[in-house]
């Protein structure tokens, strides 16, 4: 089990295991967030937070909702909306330990133009 947390630790996330790859996306929002997304089935993720500590943001095609800590502002994860892929959720792997993060390969996704991986 891998544990992740925002800077102030008000939001903690556990995932069943590490992942082989994370995704760095250059779309308009991910490039600003600088997140490294690891994807899991939502059933396998445990987000531990008080509701009042979680902020949410949804835009564009309204298929995902980005969550952040209202206290320290770290982007923690995103979840599918009713319109999104209900079997996929992303966790910001920058919130794990450097030792864990250093074991995964970063894949670069062109979410701004071609909607394809750049370094395949």
N, C-alpha and C. Protein backbone atom coordinates (compact mmCIF):
# COMPACT_ATOMS: atom_id res chain seq x y z
N UNK A 1 0.85 -1.18 0.00
CA UNK A 1 0.00 0.00 0.00
C UNK A 1 0.89 1.24 0.00
N UNK A 2 0.51 2.21 -0.81
CA UNK A 2 1.24 3.48 -0.90
C UNK A 2 0.37 4.57 -0.26
N UNK A 3 0.98 5.39 0.56
CA UNK A 3 0.27 6.50 1.19
C UNK A 3 0.78 7.81 0.62
N UNK A 4 -0.15 8.71 0.34
CA UNK A 4 0.17 10.04 -0.17
C UNK A 4 -0.54 11.05 0.71
N UNK A 5 -0.02 12.27 0.75
CA UNK A 5 -0.74 13.31 1.50
C UNK A 5 -0.38 14.68 0.94
N UNK A 6 -1.29 15.61 1.16
CA UNK A 6 -1.00 17.00 0.80
C UNK A 6 0.06 17.52 1.78
N UNK A 7 0.52 18.73 1.59
CA UNK A 7 1.60 19.28 2.41
C UNK A 7 1.23 19.34 3.89
N UNK A 8 0.02 19.77 4.19
CA UNK A 8 -0.38 19.90 5.59
C UNK A 8 -0.95 18.60 6.17
N UNK A 9 -1.12 17.59 5.34
CA UNK A 9 -1.61 16.26 5.73
C UNK A 9 -3.08 16.23 6.13
N UNK A 10 -3.83 17.25 5.76
CA UNK A 10 -5.28 17.21 6.02
C UNK A 10 -5.98 16.27 5.04
N UNK A 11 -5.34 16.02 3.90
CA UNK A 11 -5.88 15.07 2.92
C UNK A 11 -4.85 13.97 2.74
N UNK A 12 -5.29 12.75 2.99
CA UNK A 12 -4.43 11.58 2.83
C UNK A 12 -5.11 10.64 1.84
N UNK A 13 -4.29 10.00 1.04
CA UNK A 13 -4.81 9.08 0.04
C UNK A 13 -3.99 7.81 0.12
N UNK A 14 -4.66 6.67 0.07
CA UNK A 14 -3.95 5.40 -0.02
C UNK A 14 -4.35 4.72 -1.32
N UNK A 15 -3.35 4.13 -1.95
CA UNK A 15 -3.56 3.34 -3.17
C UNK A 15 -3.01 1.95 -2.88
N UNK A 16 -3.53 0.93 -3.57
CA UNK A 16 -3.15 -0.43 -3.22
C UNK A 16 -1.68 -0.76 -3.44
N UNK A 17 -1.08 -0.15 -4.42
CA UNK A 17 0.30 -0.43 -4.76
C UNK A 17 0.82 0.71 -5.63
N UNK A 18 2.09 0.70 -5.87
CA UNK A 18 2.64 1.72 -6.74
C UNK A 18 2.25 1.43 -8.18
N UNK A 19 2.66 2.27 -9.07
CA UNK A 19 2.37 2.12 -10.49
C UNK A 19 3.69 2.13 -11.23
N UNK A 20 3.69 1.60 -12.44
CA UNK A 20 4.92 1.62 -13.25
C UNK A 20 5.15 2.96 -13.91
N UNK A 21 4.04 3.67 -14.21
CA UNK A 21 4.15 4.94 -14.93
C UNK A 21 3.24 5.98 -14.31
N UNK A 22 3.61 7.24 -14.52
CA UNK A 22 2.76 8.38 -14.20
C UNK A 22 2.71 9.24 -15.45
N UNK A 23 1.68 10.07 -15.54
CA UNK A 23 1.50 10.89 -16.73
C UNK A 23 1.67 12.37 -16.41
N UNK A 24 2.49 13.02 -17.22
CA UNK A 24 2.63 14.47 -17.19
C UNK A 24 1.90 14.98 -18.44
N UNK A 25 0.86 15.76 -18.23
CA UNK A 25 0.03 16.24 -19.33
C UNK A 25 0.26 17.74 -19.52
N UNK A 26 0.23 18.19 -20.78
CA UNK A 26 0.44 19.60 -21.06
C UNK A 26 -0.84 20.35 -21.42
N UNK A 27 -1.99 19.79 -21.05
CA UNK A 27 -3.24 20.51 -21.32
C UNK A 27 -3.28 21.79 -20.49
N UNK A 28 -4.25 22.62 -20.72
CA UNK A 28 -4.29 23.94 -20.09
C UNK A 28 -4.31 23.89 -18.56
N UNK A 29 -4.92 22.87 -17.98
CA UNK A 29 -4.96 22.82 -16.51
C UNK A 29 -3.84 22.00 -15.92
N UNK A 30 -3.55 20.85 -16.50
CA UNK A 30 -2.48 20.00 -15.95
C UNK A 30 -1.12 20.68 -16.01
N UNK A 31 -0.87 21.45 -17.06
CA UNK A 31 0.42 22.15 -17.14
C UNK A 31 0.54 23.18 -16.02
N UNK A 32 -0.57 23.76 -15.60
CA UNK A 32 -0.53 24.71 -14.48
C UNK A 32 -0.41 24.00 -13.14
N UNK A 33 -1.05 22.85 -13.02
CA UNK A 33 -0.98 22.09 -11.77
C UNK A 33 0.37 21.40 -11.58
N UNK A 34 1.05 21.06 -12.68
CA UNK A 34 2.33 20.33 -12.65
C UNK A 34 2.20 18.99 -11.93
N UNK A 35 1.05 18.38 -12.04
CA UNK A 35 0.82 17.09 -11.40
C UNK A 35 1.43 15.96 -12.21
N UNK A 36 1.71 14.87 -11.54
CA UNK A 36 2.09 13.63 -12.19
C UNK A 36 1.00 12.63 -11.83
N UNK A 37 0.17 12.30 -12.80
CA UNK A 37 -1.03 11.51 -12.54
C UNK A 37 -0.77 10.01 -12.60
N UNK A 38 -1.20 9.32 -11.57
CA UNK A 38 -1.21 7.86 -11.53
C UNK A 38 -2.68 7.45 -11.55
N UNK A 39 -3.01 6.47 -12.37
CA UNK A 39 -4.41 6.11 -12.59
C UNK A 39 -4.76 4.79 -11.90
N UNK A 40 -5.93 4.79 -11.28
CA UNK A 40 -6.43 3.62 -10.56
C UNK A 40 -7.94 3.53 -10.73
N UNK A 41 -8.48 2.39 -10.38
CA UNK A 41 -9.93 2.24 -10.29
C UNK A 41 -10.37 2.94 -9.01
N UNK A 42 -11.41 3.76 -9.06
CA UNK A 42 -11.86 4.47 -7.84
C UNK A 42 -12.15 3.55 -6.66
N UNK A 43 -12.54 2.32 -6.92
CA UNK A 43 -12.82 1.38 -5.84
C UNK A 43 -11.56 1.02 -5.05
N UNK A 44 -10.40 1.22 -5.67
CA UNK A 44 -9.13 0.86 -5.03
C UNK A 44 -8.47 2.00 -4.28
N UNK A 45 -9.08 3.18 -4.31
CA UNK A 45 -8.50 4.38 -3.71
C UNK A 45 -9.26 4.74 -2.44
N UNK A 46 -8.52 5.16 -1.43
CA UNK A 46 -9.14 5.63 -0.20
C UNK A 46 -8.67 7.06 0.06
N UNK A 47 -9.60 8.01 -0.02
CA UNK A 47 -9.30 9.41 0.27
C UNK A 47 -9.79 9.69 1.68
N UNK A 48 -8.88 10.11 2.53
CA UNK A 48 -9.21 10.40 3.93
C UNK A 48 -9.11 11.90 4.12
N UNK A 49 -10.26 12.54 4.28
CA UNK A 49 -10.30 13.99 4.43
C UNK A 49 -11.66 14.40 4.98
N UNK A 50 -11.67 15.50 5.71
CA UNK A 50 -12.94 16.11 6.08
C UNK A 50 -13.47 16.84 4.86
N UNK A 51 -14.75 16.75 4.65
CA UNK A 51 -15.36 17.38 3.47
C UNK A 51 -15.04 18.87 3.37
N UNK A 52 -14.98 19.54 4.50
CA UNK A 52 -14.72 20.98 4.49
C UNK A 52 -13.27 21.32 4.10
N UNK A 53 -12.38 20.32 4.09
CA UNK A 53 -10.99 20.56 3.70
C UNK A 53 -10.75 20.38 2.21
N UNK A 54 -11.71 19.81 1.50
CA UNK A 54 -11.56 19.53 0.08
C UNK A 54 -12.21 20.62 -0.77
N UNK A 55 -11.43 21.17 -1.68
CA UNK A 55 -11.97 22.09 -2.68
C UNK A 55 -12.08 21.34 -3.99
N UNK A 56 -13.00 21.76 -4.84
CA UNK A 56 -13.21 21.07 -6.12
C UNK A 56 -13.31 22.06 -7.26
N UNK A 57 -12.90 21.60 -8.44
CA UNK A 57 -12.96 22.42 -9.65
C UNK A 57 -13.27 21.53 -10.84
N UNK A 58 -14.28 21.92 -11.59
CA UNK A 58 -14.68 21.18 -12.78
C UNK A 58 -14.87 22.18 -13.91
N UNK A 59 -14.40 21.85 -15.10
CA UNK A 59 -14.50 22.78 -16.22
C UNK A 59 -14.63 22.00 -17.53
N UNK A 60 -14.65 22.70 -18.62
CA UNK A 60 -14.62 22.09 -19.95
C UNK A 60 -15.76 21.12 -20.19
N UNK A 61 -15.42 19.89 -20.56
CA UNK A 61 -16.45 18.91 -20.91
C UNK A 61 -17.11 18.27 -19.69
N UNK A 62 -16.71 18.69 -18.50
CA UNK A 62 -17.32 18.26 -17.23
C UNK A 62 -17.27 16.74 -17.02
N UNK A 63 -16.15 16.11 -17.41
CA UNK A 63 -16.02 14.67 -17.21
C UNK A 63 -15.19 14.31 -15.98
N UNK A 64 -14.41 15.28 -15.47
CA UNK A 64 -13.63 15.04 -14.26
C UNK A 64 -13.70 16.25 -13.33
N UNK A 65 -13.54 15.97 -12.04
CA UNK A 65 -13.50 17.01 -11.02
C UNK A 65 -12.13 16.94 -10.34
N UNK A 66 -11.41 18.05 -10.34
CA UNK A 66 -10.12 18.14 -9.68
C UNK A 66 -10.34 18.53 -8.22
N UNK A 67 -9.58 17.90 -7.32
CA UNK A 67 -9.69 18.20 -5.89
C UNK A 67 -8.36 18.73 -5.36
N UNK A 68 -8.48 19.65 -4.41
CA UNK A 68 -7.30 20.22 -3.78
C UNK A 68 -7.58 20.44 -2.30
N UNK A 69 -6.52 20.62 -1.54
CA UNK A 69 -6.65 20.92 -0.12
C UNK A 69 -6.93 22.41 0.03
N UNK A 70 -7.97 22.75 0.75
CA UNK A 70 -8.30 24.16 0.98
C UNK A 70 -7.30 24.85 1.90
N UNK A 71 -6.54 24.08 2.67
CA UNK A 71 -5.58 24.68 3.58
C UNK A 71 -4.24 24.96 2.91
N UNK A 72 -3.61 23.94 2.30
CA UNK A 72 -2.28 24.12 1.72
C UNK A 72 -2.29 24.24 0.19
N UNK A 73 -3.43 24.03 -0.43
CA UNK A 73 -3.66 24.22 -1.87
C UNK A 73 -3.07 23.14 -2.77
N UNK A 74 -2.56 22.05 -2.22
CA UNK A 74 -2.03 20.98 -3.06
C UNK A 74 -3.15 20.31 -3.86
N UNK A 75 -2.89 20.08 -5.15
CA UNK A 75 -3.80 19.31 -5.99
C UNK A 75 -3.60 17.85 -5.60
N UNK A 76 -4.67 17.17 -5.21
CA UNK A 76 -4.53 15.82 -4.67
C UNK A 76 -4.97 14.73 -5.64
N UNK A 77 -6.10 14.93 -6.33
CA UNK A 77 -6.62 13.87 -7.18
C UNK A 77 -7.71 14.41 -8.08
N UNK A 78 -8.13 13.59 -9.02
CA UNK A 78 -9.36 13.90 -9.73
C UNK A 78 -10.22 12.66 -9.84
N UNK A 79 -11.52 12.91 -9.90
CA UNK A 79 -12.53 11.85 -9.95
C UNK A 79 -13.40 12.06 -11.17
N UNK A 80 -13.98 10.98 -11.69
CA UNK A 80 -14.90 11.14 -12.81
C UNK A 80 -16.24 11.70 -12.33
N UNK A 81 -16.87 12.48 -13.18
CA UNK A 81 -18.24 12.91 -12.93
C UNK A 81 -19.17 11.82 -13.49
N UNK A 82 -20.47 12.08 -13.45
CA UNK A 82 -21.42 11.14 -14.04
C UNK A 82 -21.18 10.97 -15.54
N UNK A 83 -20.53 11.95 -16.16
CA UNK A 83 -20.26 11.92 -17.59
C UNK A 83 -18.91 11.29 -17.93
N UNK A 84 -18.10 11.01 -16.91
CA UNK A 84 -16.73 10.54 -17.14
C UNK A 84 -16.59 9.03 -17.05
N UNK A 85 -15.34 8.57 -17.17
CA UNK A 85 -15.00 7.15 -17.07
C UNK A 85 -15.06 6.73 -15.61
N UNK A 86 -16.06 6.00 -15.23
CA UNK A 86 -16.29 5.65 -13.83
C UNK A 86 -15.28 4.64 -13.30
N UNK A 87 -14.46 4.09 -14.18
CA UNK A 87 -13.49 3.08 -13.78
C UNK A 87 -12.06 3.64 -13.68
N UNK A 88 -11.94 4.96 -13.77
CA UNK A 88 -10.61 5.56 -13.73
C UNK A 88 -10.61 6.83 -12.89
N UNK A 89 -9.65 6.88 -12.00
CA UNK A 89 -9.44 8.03 -11.13
C UNK A 89 -7.94 8.31 -11.14
N UNK A 90 -7.57 9.56 -10.98
CA UNK A 90 -6.15 9.91 -10.97
C UNK A 90 -5.75 10.46 -9.61
N UNK A 91 -4.56 10.10 -9.19
CA UNK A 91 -3.97 10.57 -7.94
C UNK A 91 -2.68 11.30 -8.31
N UNK A 92 -2.46 12.44 -7.69
CA UNK A 92 -1.24 13.20 -7.94
C UNK A 92 -0.08 12.52 -7.22
N UNK A 93 0.75 11.82 -7.99
CA UNK A 93 1.84 11.06 -7.39
C UNK A 93 2.97 11.94 -6.88
N UNK A 94 2.92 13.23 -7.15
CA UNK A 94 3.91 14.14 -6.54
C UNK A 94 3.71 14.19 -5.01
N UNK A 95 2.60 13.69 -4.53
CA UNK A 95 2.31 13.71 -3.09
C UNK A 95 2.86 12.49 -2.37
N UNK A 96 3.52 11.61 -3.07
CA UNK A 96 4.13 10.46 -2.42
C UNK A 96 5.58 10.80 -2.05
N UNK A 97 6.28 9.85 -1.52
CA UNK A 97 7.68 10.09 -1.12
C UNK A 97 8.57 10.17 -2.36
N UNK A 98 9.67 10.90 -2.27
CA UNK A 98 10.61 10.95 -3.39
C UNK A 98 11.12 9.55 -3.77
N UNK A 99 11.31 8.69 -2.79
CA UNK A 99 11.77 7.34 -3.06
C UNK A 99 10.78 6.57 -3.93
N UNK A 100 9.50 6.71 -3.67
CA UNK A 100 8.49 6.05 -4.48
C UNK A 100 8.39 6.70 -5.85
N UNK A 101 8.36 8.01 -5.88
CA UNK A 101 8.24 8.72 -7.16
C UNK A 101 9.41 8.41 -8.09
N UNK A 102 10.59 8.25 -7.54
CA UNK A 102 11.77 7.98 -8.36
C UNK A 102 11.78 6.59 -9.00
N UNK A 103 10.84 5.74 -8.61
CA UNK A 103 10.79 4.39 -9.18
C UNK A 103 9.86 4.28 -10.40
N UNK A 104 9.14 5.34 -10.71
CA UNK A 104 8.17 5.26 -11.81
C UNK A 104 8.66 6.03 -13.03
N UNK A 105 8.24 5.57 -14.19
CA UNK A 105 8.57 6.23 -15.45
C UNK A 105 7.55 7.33 -15.71
N UNK A 106 8.01 8.49 -16.13
CA UNK A 106 7.12 9.59 -16.48
C UNK A 106 6.82 9.50 -17.97
N UNK A 107 5.53 9.45 -18.29
CA UNK A 107 5.08 9.47 -19.68
C UNK A 107 4.52 10.86 -19.95
N UNK A 108 4.83 11.42 -21.11
CA UNK A 108 4.39 12.77 -21.45
C UNK A 108 3.24 12.69 -22.44
N UNK A 109 2.13 13.32 -22.05
CA UNK A 109 0.91 13.27 -22.85
C UNK A 109 0.60 14.65 -23.41
N UNK A 110 0.36 14.71 -24.70
CA UNK A 110 0.04 15.98 -25.36
C UNK A 110 -1.48 16.19 -25.32
N UNK A 111 -1.95 16.67 -24.17
CA UNK A 111 -3.37 16.96 -24.01
C UNK A 111 -3.75 18.31 -24.59
N UNK A 112 -2.76 19.08 -25.03
CA UNK A 112 -3.02 20.41 -25.60
C UNK A 112 -3.36 20.34 -27.09
N UNK A 113 -2.76 19.40 -27.82
CA UNK A 113 -2.96 19.37 -29.27
C UNK A 113 -3.35 17.99 -29.81
N UNK A 114 -2.41 17.06 -29.81
CA UNK A 114 -2.62 15.80 -30.53
C UNK A 114 -3.39 14.74 -29.75
N UNK A 115 -3.47 14.89 -28.46
CA UNK A 115 -4.15 13.93 -27.58
C UNK A 115 -3.48 12.55 -27.68
N UNK A 116 -2.15 12.56 -27.76
CA UNK A 116 -1.35 11.34 -27.84
C UNK A 116 -0.15 11.45 -26.91
N UNK A 117 0.40 10.29 -26.56
CA UNK A 117 1.62 10.29 -25.77
C UNK A 117 2.78 10.73 -26.64
N UNK A 118 3.65 11.54 -26.09
CA UNK A 118 4.77 12.11 -26.83
C UNK A 118 5.98 11.19 -26.82
N UNK A 119 6.21 10.48 -25.73
CA UNK A 119 7.42 9.67 -25.59
C UNK A 119 7.13 8.18 -25.60
N UNK A 120 6.33 7.72 -26.49
CA UNK A 120 6.04 6.27 -26.57
C UNK A 120 7.11 5.55 -27.32
